[in-house]
PDB file of N, CA and C in Angstrom:
ATOM      1  N   UNK A   1     143.841 136.559  82.525  1.00  0.00           N
ATOM      2  CA  UNK A   1     143.724 135.217  82.945  1.00  0.00           C
ATOM      3  C   UNK A   1     144.129 135.290  84.675  1.00  0.00           C
ATOM      4  N   UNK A   2     143.241 134.472  85.425  1.00  0.00           N
ATOM      5  CA  UNK A   2     143.499 134.421  86.827  1.00  0.00           C
ATOM      6  C   UNK A   2     144.731 133.776  87.078  1.00  0.00           C
ATOM      7  N   UNK A   3     145.319 133.944  87.840  1.00  0.00           N
ATOM      8  CA  UNK A   3     146.190 133.351  88.712  1.00  0.00           C
ATOM      9  C   UNK A   3     146.035 132.466  89.425  1.00  0.00           C
ATOM     10  N   UNK A   4     146.460 131.569  89.149  1.00  0.00           N
ATOM     11  CA  UNK A   4     146.149 130.076  89.772  1.00  0.00           C
ATOM     12  C   UNK A   4     146.381 130.002  91.630  1.00  0.00           C
ATOM     13  N   UNK A   5     147.552 130.753  91.704  1.00  0.00           N
ATOM     14  CA  UNK A   5     147.750 130.909  93.193  1.00  0.00           C
ATOM     15  C   UNK A   5     147.184 132.019  93.896  1.00  0.00           C
ATOM     16  N   UNK A   6     146.285 132.504  93.386  1.00  0.00           N
ATOM     17  CA  UNK A   6     145.279 133.412  94.188  1.00  0.00           C
ATOM     18  C   UNK A   6     144.072 132.662  94.448  1.00  0.00           C
ATOM     19  N   UNK A   7     144.321 131.744  95.388  1.00  0.00           N
ATOM     20  CA  UNK A   7     142.889 131.126  96.059  1.00  0.00           C
ATOM     21  C   UNK A   7     142.819 131.835  97.032  1.00  0.00           C
ATOM     22  N   UNK A   8     141.635 132.000  97.500  1.00  0.00           N
ATOM     23  CA  UNK A   8     141.053 132.782  98.491  1.00  0.00           C
ATOM     24  C   UNK A   8     141.035 131.748  99.762  1.00  0.00           C
ATOM     25  N   UNK A   9     140.964 132.236 101.001  1.00  0.00           N
ATOM     26  CA  UNK A   9     141.081 131.405 102.182  1.00  0.00           C
ATOM     27  C   UNK A   9     139.730 131.144 102.444  1.00  0.00           C
ATOM     28  N   UNK A  10     138.457 131.518 101.422  1.00  0.00           N
ATOM     29  CA  UNK A  10     137.134 131.018 101.920  1.00  0.00           C
ATOM     30  C   UNK A  10     136.999 129.808 100.997  1.00  0.00           C
ATOM     31  N   UNK A  11     137.617 129.891  99.983  1.00  0.00           N
ATOM     32  CA  UNK A  11     137.780 128.594  99.198  1.00  0.00           C
ATOM     33  C   UNK A  11     138.326 127.392  99.755  1.00  0.00           C
ATOM     34  N   UNK A  12     139.424 127.974 100.399  1.00  0.00           N
ATOM     35  CA  UNK A  12     140.091 126.843 101.245  1.00  0.00           C
ATOM     36  C   UNK A  12     139.617 126.249 102.190  1.00  0.00           C
ATOM     37  N   UNK A  13     138.812 127.093 103.057  1.00  0.00           N
ATOM     38  CA  UNK A  13     137.520 127.046 104.069  1.00  0.00           C
ATOM     39  C   UNK A  13     136.725 126.074 103.371  1.00  0.00           C
ATOM     40  N   UNK A  14     136.142 125.930 102.582  1.00  0.00           N
ATOM     41  CA  UNK A  14     135.020 125.304 101.879  1.00  0.00           C
ATOM     42  C   UNK A  14     135.556 124.245 101.310  1.00  0.00           C
ATOM     43  N   UNK A  15     136.607 123.833 101.135  1.00  0.00           N
ATOM     44  CA  UNK A  15     137.068 122.591 100.653  1.00  0.00           C
ATOM     45  C   UNK A  15     137.178 121.897 101.835  1.00  0.00           C
ATOM     46  N   UNK A  16     137.947 122.318 102.975  1.00  0.00           N
ATOM     47  CA  UNK A  16     138.153 121.469 104.094  1.00  0.00           C
ATOM     48  C   UNK A  16     137.129 121.195 104.827  1.00  0.00           C
ATOM     49  N   UNK A  17     135.994 121.922 104.501  1.00  0.00           N
ATOM     50  CA  UNK A  17     134.745 121.753 105.192  1.00  0.00           C
ATOM     51  C   UNK A  17     134.116 120.515 104.675  1.00  0.00           C
ATOM     52  N   UNK A  18     134.202 120.713 103.175  1.00  0.00           N
ATOM     53  CA  UNK A  18     133.591 119.463 102.130  1.00  0.00           C
ATOM     54  C   UNK A  18     134.449 118.320 102.824  1.00  0.00           C
ATOM     55  N   UNK A  19     135.633 118.529 102.934  1.00  0.00           N
ATOM     56  CA  UNK A  19     136.185 116.920 103.007  1.00  0.00           C
ATOM     57  C   UNK A  19     135.812 116.574 104.778  1.00  0.00           C
ATOM     58  N   UNK A  20     135.725 117.546 105.888  1.00  0.00           N
ATOM     59  CA  UNK A  20     135.447 117.277 106.876  1.00  0.00           C
ATOM     60  C   UNK A  20     134.293 116.128 107.023  1.00  0.00           C
ATOM     61  N   UNK A  21     132.952 117.084 105.815  1.00  0.00           N
ATOM     62  CA  UNK A  21     131.606 116.366 105.888  1.00  0.00           C
ATOM     63  C   UNK A  21     131.648 114.738 105.582  1.00  0.00           C
ATOM     64  N   UNK A  22     132.681 114.686 104.281  1.00  0.00           N
ATOM     65  CA  UNK A  22     132.365 113.473 103.451  1.00  0.00           C
ATOM     66  C   UNK A  22     133.129 112.345 104.636  1.00  0.00           C
ATOM     67  N   UNK A  23     134.190 113.168 105.612  1.00  0.00           N
ATOM     68  CA  UNK A  23     134.785 112.234 106.997  1.00  0.00           C
ATOM     69  C   UNK A  23     134.093 111.531 107.889  1.00  0.00           C
ATOM     70  N   UNK A  24     133.012 112.626 108.084  1.00  0.00           N
ATOM     71  CA  UNK A  24     131.952 112.696 109.053  1.00  0.00           C
ATOM     72  C   UNK A  24     131.093 111.441 108.211  1.00  0.00           C
ATOM     73  N   UNK A  25     130.498 111.330 107.105  1.00  0.00           N
ATOM     74  CA  UNK A  25     129.459 110.681 106.718  1.00  0.00           C
ATOM     75  C   UNK A  25     130.380 109.326 106.772  1.00  0.00           C
ATOM     76  N   UNK A  26     131.433 108.795 106.447  1.00  0.00           N
ATOM     77  CA  UNK A  26     131.923 107.586 106.036  1.00  0.00           C
ATOM     78  C   UNK A  26     132.091 107.225 107.673  1.00  0.00           C
ATOM     79  N   UNK A  27     132.632 108.158 108.757  1.00  0.00           N
ATOM     80  CA  UNK A  27     132.269 107.804 110.251  1.00  0.00           C
ATOM     81  C   UNK A  27     130.761 107.107 110.363  1.00  0.00           C
ATOM     82  N   UNK A  28     129.711 107.869 110.010  1.00  0.00           N
ATOM     83  CA  UNK A  28     128.678 107.647 110.179  1.00  0.00           C
ATOM     84  C   UNK A  28     128.025 106.329 109.825  1.00  0.00           C
ATOM     85  N   UNK A  29     128.594 106.250 108.523  1.00  0.00           N
ATOM     86  CA  UNK A  29     128.523 104.697 107.855  1.00  0.00           C
ATOM     87  C   UNK A  29     129.174 103.747 108.402  1.00  0.00           C
ATOM     88  N   UNK A  30     130.255 103.805 108.906  1.00  0.00           N
ATOM     89  CA  UNK A  30     131.033 102.735 109.809  1.00  0.00           C
ATOM     90  C   UNK A  30     129.988 102.338 110.834  1.00  0.00           C
ATOM     91  N   UNK A  31     129.649 103.070 111.510  1.00  0.00           N
ATOM     92  CA  UNK A  31     128.585 102.839 112.905  1.00  0.00           C
ATOM     93  C   UNK A  31     127.548 102.506 112.541  1.00  0.00           C
ATOM     94  N   UNK A  32     127.096 102.946 111.489  1.00  0.00           N
ATOM     95  CA  UNK A  32     125.381 102.298 110.965  1.00  0.00           C
ATOM     96  C   UNK A  32     125.708 101.009 110.780  1.00  0.00           C
ATOM     97  N   UNK A  33     126.702 100.602 109.956  1.00  0.00           N
ATOM     98  CA  UNK A  33     127.087  99.152 109.944  1.00  0.00           C
ATOM     99  C   UNK A  33     127.043  98.318 110.916  1.00  0.00           C
ATOM    100  N   UNK A  34     128.112  98.765 111.568  1.00  0.00           N
ATOM    101  CA  UNK A  34     128.419  98.255 113.260  1.00  0.00           C
ATOM    102  C   UNK A  34     126.864  97.730 113.767  1.00  0.00           C
ATOM    103  N   UNK A  35     126.323  98.904 114.054  1.00  0.00           N
ATOM    104  CA  UNK A  35     124.805  98.613 114.551  1.00  0.00           C
ATOM    105  C   UNK A  35     123.835  97.507 113.698  1.00  0.00           C
ATOM    106  N   UNK A  36     123.958  97.379 112.434  1.00  0.00           N
ATOM    107  CA  UNK A  36     123.527  96.570 111.705  1.00  0.00           C
ATOM    108  C   UNK A  36     123.920  95.143 111.824  1.00  0.00           C
ATOM    109  N   UNK A  37     125.488  94.868 112.301  1.00  0.00           N
ATOM    110  CA  UNK A  37     125.853  93.807 112.443  1.00  0.00           C
ATOM    111  C   UNK A  37     125.015  93.262 113.931  1.00  0.00           C
ATOM    112  N   UNK A  38     125.557  94.295 114.946  1.00  0.00           N
ATOM    113  CA  UNK A  38     124.810  93.833 116.248  1.00  0.00           C
ATOM    114  C   UNK A  38     123.268  93.519 116.103  1.00  0.00           C
ATOM    115  N   UNK A  39     122.543  94.227 115.473  1.00  0.00           N
ATOM    116  CA  UNK A  39     121.200  93.675 115.594  1.00  0.00           C
ATOM    117  C   UNK A  39     120.770  92.368 114.732  1.00  0.00           C
ATOM    118  N   UNK A  40     121.997  92.154 113.509  1.00  0.00           N
ATOM    119  CA  UNK A  40     121.600  91.139 112.801  1.00  0.00           C
ATOM    120  C   UNK A  40     122.236  90.018 113.446  1.00  0.00           C
ATOM    121  N   UNK A  41     123.274  89.812 114.904  1.00  0.00           N
ATOM    122  CA  UNK A  41     123.549  88.800 115.663  1.00  0.00           C
ATOM    123  C   UNK A  41     122.567  88.498 116.664  1.00  0.00           C
ATOM    124  N   UNK A  42     121.960  89.813 117.235  1.00  0.00           N
ATOM    125  CA  UNK A  42     120.884  89.677 117.955  1.00  0.00           C
ATOM    126  C   UNK A  42     119.495  88.585 117.456  1.00  0.00           C
ATOM    127  N   UNK A  43     119.226  89.198 116.439  1.00  0.00           N
ATOM    128  CA  UNK A  43     117.795  88.152 115.796  1.00  0.00           C
ATOM    129  C   UNK A  43     118.205  86.980 115.397  1.00  0.00           C
ATOM    130  N   UNK A  44     119.850  86.965 114.830  1.00  0.00           N
ATOM    131  CA  UNK A  44     119.610  85.127 114.639  1.00  0.00           C
ATOM    132  C   UNK A  44     119.801  84.582 116.602  1.00  0.00           C
ATOM    133  N   UNK A  45     120.477  85.357 117.365  1.00  0.00           N
ATOM    134  CA  UNK A  45     120.106  84.444 118.795  1.00  0.00           C
ATOM    135  C   UNK A  45     118.192  84.557 119.144  1.00  0.00           C
ATOM    136  N   UNK A  46     117.339  85.296 118.802  1.00  0.00           N
ATOM    137  CA  UNK A  46     116.243  85.115 118.667  1.00  0.00           C
ATOM    138  C   UNK A  46     115.891  83.844 118.264  1.00  0.00           C
ATOM    139  N   UNK A  47     116.033  83.891 116.758  1.00  0.00           N
ATOM    140  CA  UNK A  47     115.649  82.789 116.064  1.00  0.00           C
ATOM    141  C   UNK A  47     115.915  81.608 116.505  1.00  0.00           C
ATOM    142  N   UNK A  48     117.568  81.584 116.734  1.00  0.00           N
ATOM    143  CA  UNK A  48     117.902  80.529 117.485  1.00  0.00           C
ATOM    144  C   UNK A  48     117.157  79.940 118.667  1.00  0.00           C
ATOM    145  N   UNK A  49     116.740  80.786 119.870  1.00  0.00           N
ATOM    146  CA  UNK A  49     116.338  80.875 120.732  1.00  0.00           C
ATOM    147  C   UNK A  49     114.668  80.132 120.640  1.00  0.00           C
ATOM    148  N   UNK A  50     114.461  80.809 119.397  1.00  0.00           N
ATOM    149  CA  UNK A  50     112.612  80.006 119.252  1.00  0.00           C
ATOM    150  C   UNK A  50     112.927  78.813 118.710  1.00  0.00           C
ATOM    151  N   UNK A  51     113.569  78.244 118.142  1.00  0.00           N
ATOM    152  CA  UNK A  51     114.080  77.038 117.313  1.00  0.00           C
ATOM    153  C   UNK A  51     114.428  75.755 118.431  1.00  0.00           C
ATOM    154  N   UNK A  52     115.223  76.460 119.824  1.00  0.00           N
ATOM    155  CA  UNK A  52     115.289  75.435 121.038  1.00  0.00           C
ATOM    156  C   UNK A  52     114.103  75.616 121.560  1.00  0.00           C
ATOM    157  N   UNK A  53     112.910  76.488 121.620  1.00  0.00           N
ATOM    158  CA  UNK A  53     111.806  75.996 122.154  1.00  0.00           C
ATOM    159  C   UNK A  53     111.188  75.283 121.553  1.00  0.00           C
ATOM    160  N   UNK A  54     111.043  75.330 120.142  1.00  0.00           N
ATOM    161  CA  UNK A  54     110.636  74.424 119.269  1.00  0.00           C
ATOM    162  C   UNK A  54     110.843  73.285 119.801  1.00  0.00           C
ATOM    163  N   UNK A  55     112.135  73.101 119.694  1.00  0.00           N
ATOM    164  CA  UNK A  55     112.473  71.313 120.265  1.00  0.00           C
ATOM    165  C   UNK A  55     112.123  70.672 121.675  1.00  0.00           C
ATOM    166  N   UNK A  56     112.358  71.770 122.301  1.00  0.00           N
ATOM    167  CA  UNK A  56     112.012  71.566 123.628  1.00  0.00           C
ATOM    168  C   UNK A  56     110.413  71.163 123.464  1.00  0.00           C
ATOM    169  N   UNK A  57     109.472  71.993 122.810  1.00  0.00           N
ATOM    170  CA  UNK A  57     108.619  71.595 122.759  1.00  0.00           C
ATOM    171  C   UNK A  57     107.968  70.044 122.430  1.00  0.00           C
ATOM    172  N   UNK A  58     108.521  69.924 121.238  1.00  0.00           N
ATOM    173  CA  UNK A  58     108.774  68.529 120.440  1.00  0.00           C
ATOM    174  C   UNK A  58     108.847  67.537 121.756  1.00  0.00           C
ATOM    175  N   UNK A  59     110.117  67.721 122.406  1.00  0.00           N
ATOM    176  CA  UNK A  59     110.488  66.873 123.325  1.00  0.00           C
ATOM    177  C   UNK A  59     109.295  66.172 124.603  1.00  0.00           C
ATOM    178  N   UNK A  60     108.477  67.506 125.290  1.00  0.00           N
ATOM    179  CA  UNK A  60     107.728  67.442 125.693  1.00  0.00           C
ATOM    180  C   UNK A  60     106.493  66.550 125.276  1.00  0.00           C
ATOM    181  N   UNK A  61     106.233  66.737 123.927  1.00  0.00           N
ATOM    182  CA  UNK A  61     104.962  65.921 123.039  1.00  0.00           C
ATOM    183  C   UNK A  61     105.346  64.615 123.331  1.00  0.00           C
ATOM    184  N   UNK A  62     106.638  64.271 123.495  1.00  0.00           N
ATOM    185  CA  UNK A  62     106.939  62.914 123.137  1.00  0.00           C
ATOM    186  C   UNK A  62     106.839  62.294 124.506  1.00  0.00           C
ATOM    187  N   UNK A  63     107.216  63.084 125.481  1.00  0.00           N
ATOM    188  CA  UNK A  63     107.071  62.427 127.056  1.00  0.00           C
ATOM    189  C   UNK A  63     105.805  62.484 127.261  1.00  0.00           C
ATOM    190  N   UNK A  64     104.733  63.462 127.265  1.00  0.00           N
ATOM    191  CA  UNK A  64     103.738  62.848 127.748  1.00  0.00           C
ATOM    192  C   UNK A  64     102.606  62.679 126.509  1.00  0.00           C
ATOM    193  N   UNK A  65     103.271  62.201 125.308  1.00  0.00           N
ATOM    194  CA  UNK A  65     102.010  61.172 124.562  1.00  0.00           C
ATOM    195  C   UNK A  65     101.186  62.164 123.877  1.00  0.00           C
ATOM    196  N   UNK A  66     101.302  63.357 123.822  1.00  0.00           N
ATOM    197  CA  UNK A  66     100.471  64.663 123.295  1.00  0.00           C
ATOM    198  C   UNK A  66     100.969  64.722 121.544  1.00  0.00           C
ATOM    199  N   UNK A  67     100.000  65.116 120.857  1.00  0.00           N
ATOM    200  CA  UNK A  67     100.764  65.405 119.354  1.00  0.00           C
ATOM    201  C   UNK A  67     100.121  66.961 119.195  1.00  0.00           C
ATOM    202  N   UNK A  68     101.541  67.567 119.206  1.00  0.00           N
ATOM    203  CA  UNK A  68     101.594  68.954 118.800  1.00  0.00           C
ATOM    204  C   UNK A  68     102.364  68.907 117.612  1.00  0.00           C
ATOM    205  N   UNK A  69     102.584  67.726 117.192  1.00  0.00           N
ATOM    206  CA  UNK A  69     103.101  68.238 115.695  1.00  0.00           C
ATOM    207  C   UNK A  69     102.573  69.175 114.682  1.00  0.00           C
ATOM    208  N   UNK A  70     101.224  69.257 114.639  1.00  0.00           N
ATOM    209  CA  UNK A  70     100.849  70.112 113.402  1.00  0.00           C
ATOM    210  C   UNK A  70     101.125  71.633 113.840  1.00  0.00           C
ATOM    211  N   UNK A  71     100.836  71.891 115.356  1.00  0.00           N
ATOM    212  CA  UNK A  71     100.912  72.999 115.727  1.00  0.00           C
ATOM    213  C   UNK A  71     102.840  73.153 115.871  1.00  0.00           C
ATOM    214  N   UNK A  72     103.417  72.616 116.008  1.00  0.00           N
ATOM    215  CA  UNK A  72     105.259  72.890 116.193  1.00  0.00           C
ATOM    216  C   UNK A  72     105.456  72.541 114.081  1.00  0.00           C
ATOM    217  N   UNK A  73     105.119  72.208 113.400  1.00  0.00           N
ATOM    218  CA  UNK A  73     105.207  72.074 112.237  1.00  0.00           C
ATOM    219  C   UNK A  73     104.902  73.467 111.643  1.00  0.00           C
ATOM    220  N   UNK A  74     103.486  74.116 111.977  1.00  0.00           N
ATOM    221  CA  UNK A  74     103.204  75.229 111.060  1.00  0.00           C
ATOM    222  C   UNK A  74     104.272  76.643 112.081  1.00  0.00           C
ATOM    223  N   UNK A  75     104.529  76.069 113.572  1.00  0.00           N
ATOM    224  CA  UNK A  75     105.353  77.247 114.033  1.00  0.00           C
ATOM    225  C   UNK A  75     106.894  76.940 113.195  1.00  0.00           C
ATOM    226  N   UNK A  76     107.374  76.117 112.707  1.00  0.00           N
ATOM    227  CA  UNK A  76     108.785  75.701 112.377  1.00  0.00           C
ATOM    228  C   UNK A  76     108.665  76.313 110.786  1.00  0.00           C
ATOM    229  N   UNK A  77     107.410  75.975 110.156  1.00  0.00           N
ATOM    230  CA  UNK A  77     107.252  76.745 108.810  1.00  0.00           C
ATOM    231  C   UNK A  77     106.935  78.339 109.049  1.00  0.00           C
ATOM    232  N   UNK A  78     106.767  78.928 109.748  1.00  0.00           N
ATOM    233  CA  UNK A  78     106.810  80.336 110.274  1.00  0.00           C
ATOM    234  C   UNK A  78     108.068  80.703 110.611  1.00  0.00           C
ATOM    235  N   UNK A  79     108.968  80.038 111.372  1.00  0.00           N
ATOM    236  CA  UNK A  79     109.614  80.439 111.668  1.00  0.00           C
ATOM    237  C   UNK A  79     110.979  80.568 110.469  1.00  0.00           C
ATOM    238  N   UNK A  80     111.284  79.379 109.707  1.00  0.00           N
ATOM    239  CA  UNK A  80     111.975  79.429 108.521  1.00  0.00           C
ATOM    240  C   UNK A  80     111.464  80.513 107.245  1.00  0.00           C
ATOM    241  N   UNK A  81     109.937  80.712 107.199  1.00  0.00           N
ATOM    242  CA  UNK A  81     109.694  82.287 106.552  1.00  0.00           C
ATOM    243  C   UNK A  81     110.509  83.177 106.831  1.00  0.00           C
ATOM    244  N   UNK A  82     110.275  83.540 108.612  1.00  0.00           N
ATOM    245  CA  UNK A  82     110.818  84.917 109.096  1.00  0.00           C
ATOM    246  C   UNK A  82     112.263  84.807 109.072  1.00  0.00           C
ATOM    247  N   UNK A  83     112.925  83.633 108.711  1.00  0.00           N
ATOM    248  CA  UNK A  83     114.220  83.636 108.767  1.00  0.00           C
ATOM    249  C   UNK A  83     114.975  83.834 107.396  1.00  0.00           C
ATOM    250  N   UNK A  84     114.149  83.637 106.280  1.00  0.00           N
ATOM    251  CA  UNK A  84     114.449  83.682 105.009  1.00  0.00           C
ATOM    252  C   UNK A  84     114.068  85.067 104.877  1.00  0.00           C
ATOM    253  N   UNK A  85     112.993  85.669 105.319  1.00  0.00           N
ATOM    254  CA  UNK A  85     112.701  86.853 104.946  1.00  0.00           C
ATOM    255  C   UNK A  85     113.818  87.980 105.544  1.00  0.00           C
ATOM    256  N   UNK A  86     114.558  87.506 106.785  1.00  0.00           N
ATOM    257  CA  UNK A  86     115.587  88.107 107.285  1.00  0.00           C
ATOM    258  C   UNK A  86     116.632  87.946 106.643  1.00  0.00           C
ATOM    259  N   UNK A  87     117.001  86.978 105.750  1.00  0.00           N
ATOM    260  CA  UNK A  87     118.262  86.851 105.254  1.00  0.00           C
ATOM    261  C   UNK A  87     118.098  87.954 103.811  1.00  0.00           C
ATOM    262  N   UNK A  88     116.824  87.934 103.284  1.00  0.00           N
ATOM    263  CA  UNK A  88     116.472  88.621 102.043  1.00  0.00           C
ATOM    264  C   UNK A  88     116.333  90.488 102.299  1.00  0.00           C
ATOM    265  N   UNK A  89     116.192  90.794 103.484  1.00  0.00           N
ATOM    266  CA  UNK A  89     116.203  91.973 103.928  1.00  0.00           C
ATOM    267  C   UNK A  89     117.871  92.419 103.958  1.00  0.00           C
ATOM    268  N   UNK A  90     118.571  91.258 105.052  1.00  0.00           N
ATOM    269  CA  UNK A  90     119.618  91.644 105.300  1.00  0.00           C
ATOM    270  C   UNK A  90     120.605  91.920 103.518  1.00  0.00           C
ATOM    271  N   UNK A  91     120.273  91.165 103.053  1.00  0.00           N
ATOM    272  CA  UNK A  91     121.086  91.431 101.469  1.00  0.00           C
ATOM    273  C   UNK A  91     120.816  92.501 100.594  1.00  0.00           C
ATOM    274  N   UNK A  92     119.355  93.166 100.662  1.00  0.00           N
ATOM    275  CA  UNK A  92     118.718  94.169 100.608  1.00  0.00           C
ATOM    276  C   UNK A  92     119.810  95.337 101.229  1.00  0.00           C
ATOM    277  N   UNK A  93     119.897  95.252 102.175  1.00  0.00           N
ATOM    278  CA  UNK A  93     120.331  96.310 103.173  1.00  0.00           C
ATOM    279  C   UNK A  93     122.146  96.437 102.980  1.00  0.00           C
ATOM    280  N   UNK A  94     122.267  94.982 102.723  1.00  0.00           N
ATOM    281  CA  UNK A  94     123.890  95.365 102.546  1.00  0.00           C
ATOM    282  C   UNK A  94     124.356  95.727 101.017  1.00  0.00           C
ATOM    283  N   UNK A  95     123.289  95.661 100.240  1.00  0.00           N
ATOM    284  CA  UNK A  95     123.379  95.966  98.746  1.00  0.00           C
ATOM    285  C   UNK A  95     123.404  97.423  98.863  1.00  0.00           C
ATOM    286  N   UNK A  96     122.633  97.978  99.732  1.00  0.00           N
ATOM    287  CA  UNK A  96     122.146  99.690  99.773  1.00  0.00           C
ATOM    288  C   UNK A  96     123.457 100.131 100.837  1.00  0.00           C
ATOM    289  N   UNK A  97     124.111  99.568 101.474  1.00  0.00           N
ATOM    290  CA  UNK A  97     125.225  99.801 101.737  1.00  0.00           C
ATOM    291  C   UNK A  97     126.602  99.891 101.453  1.00  0.00           C
ATOM    292  N   UNK A  98     126.465  98.763 100.545  1.00  0.00           N
ATOM    293  CA  UNK A  98     127.446  98.836  99.480  1.00  0.00           C
ATOM    294  C   UNK A  98     127.422  99.858  98.270  1.00  0.00           C
ATOM    295  N   UNK A  99     126.252 100.754  98.189  1.00  0.00           N
ATOM    296  CA  UNK A  99     126.073 101.472  97.171  1.00  0.00           C
ATOM    297  C   UNK A  99     126.611 102.825  97.737  1.00  0.00           C
ATOM    298  N   UNK A 100     126.171 103.004  99.029  1.00  0.00           N
ATOM    299  CA  UNK A 100     126.402 104.323  99.653  1.00  0.00           C
ATOM    300  C   UNK A 100     127.476 104.382 100.196  1.00  0.00           C
ATOM    301  N   UNK A 101     128.449 102.989 100.102  1.00  0.00           N
ATOM    302  CA  UNK A 101     129.729 103.478 100.547  1.00  0.00           C
ATOM    303  C   UNK A 101     130.701 103.638  99.130  1.00  0.00           C
ATOM    304  N   UNK A 102     130.400 103.303  98.299  1.00  0.00           N
ATOM    305  CA  UNK A 102     130.892 103.216  97.090  1.00  0.00           C
ATOM    306  C   UNK A 102     130.338 104.541  96.626  1.00  0.00           C
ATOM    307  N   UNK A 103     129.453 105.398  96.750  1.00  0.00           N
ATOM    308  CA  UNK A 103     129.047 106.742  96.143  1.00  0.00           C
ATOM    309  C   UNK A 103     129.835 107.412  97.240  1.00  0.00           C
ATOM    310  N   UNK A 104     129.925 107.517  98.317  1.00  0.00           N
ATOM    311  CA  UNK A 104     130.849 107.933  99.532  1.00  0.00           C
ATOM    312  C   UNK A 104     132.538 108.018  98.800  1.00  0.00           C
ATOM    313  N   UNK A 105     132.991 106.843  98.788  1.00  0.00           N
ATOM    314  CA  UNK A 105     134.528 106.843  98.210  1.00  0.00           C
ATOM    315  C   UNK A 105     134.484 107.820  96.832  1.00  0.00           C
ATOM    316  N   UNK A 106     133.739 107.303  96.083  1.00  0.00           N
ATOM    317  CA  UNK A 106     133.485 108.206  94.532  1.00  0.00           C
ATOM    318  C   UNK A 106     133.831 109.542  94.625  1.00  0.00           C
ATOM    319  N   UNK A 107     132.756 110.037  95.817  1.00  0.00           N
ATOM    320  CA  UNK A 107     132.999 111.312  96.176  1.00  0.00           C
ATOM    321  C   UNK A 107     134.153 112.131  96.710  1.00  0.00           C
ATOM    322  N   UNK A 108     134.589 111.123  97.791  1.00  0.00           N
ATOM    323  CA  UNK A 108     136.049 111.547  98.321  1.00  0.00           C
ATOM    324  C   UNK A 108     137.333 111.286  97.185  1.00  0.00           C
ATOM    325  N   UNK A 109     137.265 110.489  96.153  1.00  0.00           N
ATOM    326  CA  UNK A 109     138.002 110.609  95.193  1.00  0.00           C
ATOM    327  C   UNK A 109     138.074 111.857  94.689  1.00  0.00           C
ATOM    328  N   UNK A 110     136.954 112.257  94.227  1.00  0.00           N
ATOM    329  CA  UNK A 110     136.790 113.588  93.794  1.00  0.00           C
ATOM    330  C   UNK A 110     137.120 114.281  94.178  1.00  0.00           C
ATOM    331  N   UNK A 111     136.996 114.498  95.393  1.00  0.00           N
ATOM    332  CA  UNK A 111     137.741 115.691  96.073  1.00  0.00           C
ATOM    333  C   UNK A 111     139.075 115.956  96.613  1.00  0.00           C
ATOM    334  N   UNK A 112     139.785 114.184  96.645  1.00  0.00           N
ATOM    335  CA  UNK A 112     140.722 114.512  96.629  1.00  0.00           C
ATOM    336  C   UNK A 112     141.670 114.976  95.289  1.00  0.00           C
ATOM    337  N   UNK A 113     140.864 114.458  94.055  1.00  0.00           N
ATOM    338  CA  UNK A 113     141.488 114.993  92.855  1.00  0.00           C
ATOM    339  C   UNK A 113     141.227 116.599  92.512  1.00  0.00           C
ATOM    340  N   UNK A 114     140.436 117.117  93.443  1.00  0.00           N
ATOM    341  CA  UNK A 114     140.473 118.732  93.577  1.00  0.00           C
ATOM    342  C   UNK A 114     141.393 119.186  94.287  1.00  0.00           C
ATOM    343  N   UNK A 115     141.924 118.268  95.499  1.00  0.00           N
ATOM    344  CA  UNK A 115     142.639 119.209  96.399  1.00  0.00           C
ATOM    345  C   UNK A 115     144.313 118.739  95.504  1.00  0.00           C
ATOM    346  N   UNK A 116     144.169 117.592  94.762  1.00  0.00           N
ATOM    347  CA  UNK A 116     145.690 117.447  94.095  1.00  0.00           C
ATOM    348  C   UNK A 116     145.597 118.888  93.366  1.00  0.00           C
ATOM    349  N   UNK A 117     144.633 119.358  92.402  1.00  0.00           N
ATOM    350  CA  UNK A 117     144.585 120.146  91.478  1.00  0.00           C
ATOM    351  C   UNK A 117     144.763 121.606  92.122  1.00  0.00           C
ATOM    352  N   UNK A 118     144.635 121.759  93.666  1.00  0.00           N
ATOM    353  CA  UNK A 118     144.952 123.293  94.048  1.00  0.00           C
ATOM    354  C   UNK A 118     146.458 123.261  94.043  1.00  0.00           C
ATOM    355  N   UNK A 119     147.009 124.672  93.695  1.00  0.00           N
ATOM    356  CA  UNK A 119     148.496 125.014  93.776  1.00  0.00           C
ATOM    357  C   UNK A 119     148.927 124.729  94.883  1.00  0.00           C
ATOM    358  N   UNK A 120     148.464 125.065  96.343  1.00  0.00           N
ATOM    359  CA  UNK A 120     149.388 124.806  97.519  1.00  0.00           C
ATOM    360  C   UNK A 120     149.289 123.974  98.650  1.00  0.00           C
ATOM    361  N   UNK A 121     148.846 122.349  97.279  1.00  0.00           N
ATOM    362  CA  UNK A 121     149.348 121.360  98.139  1.00  0.00           C
ATOM    363  C   UNK A 121     150.882 120.957  97.434  1.00  0.00           C
TER     364      UNK A 121
END
């Protein structure tokens, strides 16, 4: 029966490398999540600017007695469709990141359990 205290330094190094990889994966996940949030904020700013431009067009139309209502309505519909698509896409991305986070945390828990089972801790 092998002695549990007889763990090679190679196995210890392999375990530490696994932990470090998981920590890097978690850091990469956090950076990607932050980047996604910044992209989302930037897109919302762009959509808001687009809505502002549409309102400005409506005001110009009223001042100059021109009717651009049909075009503005179409543009508004397009903008609302884009907004809806972005929200749906963001929901999918958030769901994906939640799954990745859960998988990463589960793997970290597994590695922590393995570490607790090691005799030198």
